[in-house]
C-alpha atoms as a PDB file:
ATOM      1  CA  UNK A   1     -41.133  25.673  13.797  1.00  0.00           C
ATOM      2  CA  UNK A   2     -39.216  27.452  16.575  1.00  0.00           C
ATOM      3  CA  UNK A   3     -39.811  30.807  14.890  1.00  0.00           C
ATOM      4  CA  UNK A   4     -43.547  30.107  14.776  1.00  0.00           C
ATOM      5  CA  UNK A   5     -43.540  29.154  18.462  1.00  0.00           C
ATOM      6  CA  UNK A   6     -41.650  32.319  19.359  1.00  0.00           C
ATOM      7  CA  UNK A   7     -43.997  34.516  17.329  1.00  0.00           C
ATOM      8  CA  UNK A   8     -46.990  32.879  18.968  1.00  0.00           C
ATOM      9  CA  UNK A   9     -45.585  33.454  22.449  1.00  0.00           C
ATOM     10  CA  UNK A  10     -44.575  37.026  21.668  1.00  0.00           C
ATOM     11  CA  UNK A  11     -48.080  37.787  20.420  1.00  0.00           C
ATOM     12  CA  UNK A  12     -49.555  37.070  23.847  1.00  0.00           C
ATOM     13  CA  UNK A  13     -50.831  40.148  25.595  1.00  0.00           C
ATOM     14  CA  UNK A  14     -49.159  41.522  28.714  1.00  0.00           C
ATOM     15  CA  UNK A  15     -51.925  39.978  30.816  1.00  0.00           C
ATOM     16  CA  UNK A  16     -50.639  36.559  29.809  1.00  0.00           C
ATOM     17  CA  UNK A  17     -47.196  37.244  31.276  1.00  0.00           C
ATOM     18  CA  UNK A  18     -48.634  36.300  34.674  1.00  0.00           C
ATOM     19  CA  UNK A  19     -49.772  32.971  33.227  1.00  0.00           C
ATOM     20  CA  UNK A  20     -46.331  32.302  31.737  1.00  0.00           C
ATOM     21  CA  UNK A  21     -44.387  33.358  34.813  1.00  0.00           C
ATOM     22  CA  UNK A  22     -46.606  33.750  37.886  1.00  0.00           C
ATOM     23  CA  UNK A  23     -43.692  34.794  40.094  1.00  0.00           C
ATOM     24  CA  UNK A  24     -42.178  37.172  37.539  1.00  0.00           C
ATOM     25  CA  UNK A  25     -39.551  34.647  36.427  1.00  0.00           C
ATOM     26  CA  UNK A  26     -39.778  32.714  33.175  1.00  0.00           C
ATOM     27  CA  UNK A  27     -38.375  29.246  33.849  1.00  0.00           C
ATOM     28  CA  UNK A  28     -36.968  27.201  30.956  1.00  0.00           C
ATOM     29  CA  UNK A  29     -36.064  23.553  31.460  1.00  0.00           C
ATOM     30  CA  UNK A  30     -33.929  21.946  28.767  1.00  0.00           C
ATOM     31  CA  UNK A  31     -31.719  18.937  28.119  1.00  0.00           C
ATOM     32  CA  UNK A  32     -28.213  20.099  28.925  1.00  0.00           C
ATOM     33  CA  UNK A  33     -26.658  17.221  26.991  1.00  0.00           C
ATOM     34  CA  UNK A  34     -28.609  17.928  23.786  1.00  0.00           C
ATOM     35  CA  UNK A  35     -26.762  20.420  21.537  1.00  0.00           C
ATOM     36  CA  UNK A  36     -29.954  20.984  19.536  1.00  0.00           C
ATOM     37  CA  UNK A  37     -31.437  22.608  22.649  1.00  0.00           C
ATOM     38  CA  UNK A  38     -28.450  24.381  24.191  1.00  0.00           C
ATOM     39  CA  UNK A  39     -24.680  24.515  24.379  1.00  0.00           C
ATOM     40  CA  UNK A  40     -22.634  25.398  27.429  1.00  0.00           C
ATOM     41  CA  UNK A  41     -20.703  28.600  26.790  1.00  0.00           C
ATOM     42  CA  UNK A  42     -19.258  28.917  30.296  1.00  0.00           C
ATOM     43  CA  UNK A  43     -19.796  27.865  33.894  1.00  0.00           C
ATOM     44  CA  UNK A  44     -23.392  29.115  34.093  1.00  0.00           C
ATOM     45  CA  UNK A  45     -23.697  30.442  30.565  1.00  0.00           C
ATOM     46  CA  UNK A  46     -25.815  28.722  27.914  1.00  0.00           C
ATOM     47  CA  UNK A  47     -26.321  29.498  24.221  1.00  0.00           C
ATOM     48  CA  UNK A  48     -28.605  28.161  21.540  1.00  0.00           C
ATOM     49  CA  UNK A  49     -31.950  28.728  19.885  1.00  0.00           C
ATOM     50  CA  UNK A  50     -34.018  27.601  22.875  1.00  0.00           C
ATOM     51  CA  UNK A  51     -32.036  29.809  25.228  1.00  0.00           C
ATOM     52  CA  UNK A  52     -32.224  32.862  22.970  1.00  0.00           C
ATOM     53  CA  UNK A  53     -35.978  32.377  22.475  1.00  0.00           C
ATOM     54  CA  UNK A  54     -36.463  32.200  26.237  1.00  0.00           C
ATOM     55  CA  UNK A  55     -34.373  35.319  26.841  1.00  0.00           C
ATOM     56  CA  UNK A  56     -36.152  37.272  24.114  1.00  0.00           C
ATOM     57  CA  UNK A  57     -39.604  36.328  25.373  1.00  0.00           C
ATOM     58  CA  UNK A  58     -38.615  37.303  28.920  1.00  0.00           C
ATOM     59  CA  UNK A  59     -37.145  40.594  27.710  1.00  0.00           C
ATOM     60  CA  UNK A  60     -40.302  41.489  25.807  1.00  0.00           C
ATOM     61  CA  UNK A  61     -42.493  40.608  28.784  1.00  0.00           C
ATOM     62  CA  UNK A  62     -40.175  42.267  31.333  1.00  0.00           C
ATOM     63  CA  UNK A  63     -39.550  38.985  33.161  1.00  0.00           C
ATOM     64  CA  UNK A  64     -36.523  37.451  34.831  1.00  0.00           C
ATOM     65  CA  UNK A  65     -35.094  34.227  33.346  1.00  0.00           C
ATOM     66  CA  UNK A  66     -34.249  31.001  35.165  1.00  0.00           C
ATOM     67  CA  UNK A  67     -32.507  28.436  32.967  1.00  0.00           C
ATOM     68  CA  UNK A  68     -32.867  24.890  34.280  1.00  0.00           C
ATOM     69  CA  UNK A  69     -30.424  22.476  32.639  1.00  0.00           C
ATOM     70  CA  UNK A  70     -31.451  18.848  33.156  1.00  0.00           C
ATOM     71  CA  UNK A  71     -29.952  15.541  32.097  1.00  0.00           C
ATOM     72  CA  UNK A  72     -32.866  13.421  30.891  1.00  0.00           C
ATOM     73  CA  UNK A  73     -36.321  13.817  29.306  1.00  0.00           C
ATOM     74  CA  UNK A  74     -38.305  12.611  32.347  1.00  0.00           C
ATOM     75  CA  UNK A  75     -36.630  15.303  34.464  1.00  0.00           C
ATOM     76  CA  UNK A  76     -37.638  17.955  31.919  1.00  0.00           C
ATOM     77  CA  UNK A  77     -41.232  16.706  31.896  1.00  0.00           C
ATOM     78  CA  UNK A  78     -41.355  16.715  35.683  1.00  0.00           C
ATOM     79  CA  UNK A  79     -39.880  20.229  35.829  1.00  0.00           C
ATOM     80  CA  UNK A  80     -42.613  21.662  33.624  1.00  0.00           C
ATOM     81  CA  UNK A  81     -45.514  19.656  35.090  1.00  0.00           C
END
């Protein structure tokens, strides 16, 4: 499923980069305490499928990345609303 989501996002044209990241920064909110989403690899360093997908999408669209680790699902929902 994650591969399909990534392929879908990567297939977006360059014009859609502005829709994804209006300020030139792709923001990704995730549950920091959920190892299925991300694992802490250092002080401000995160690893995992979600993180790598975000970085790859940003790289392909020439965007900056802002990782936003949060502690509960309502915070994630509010961050992306």
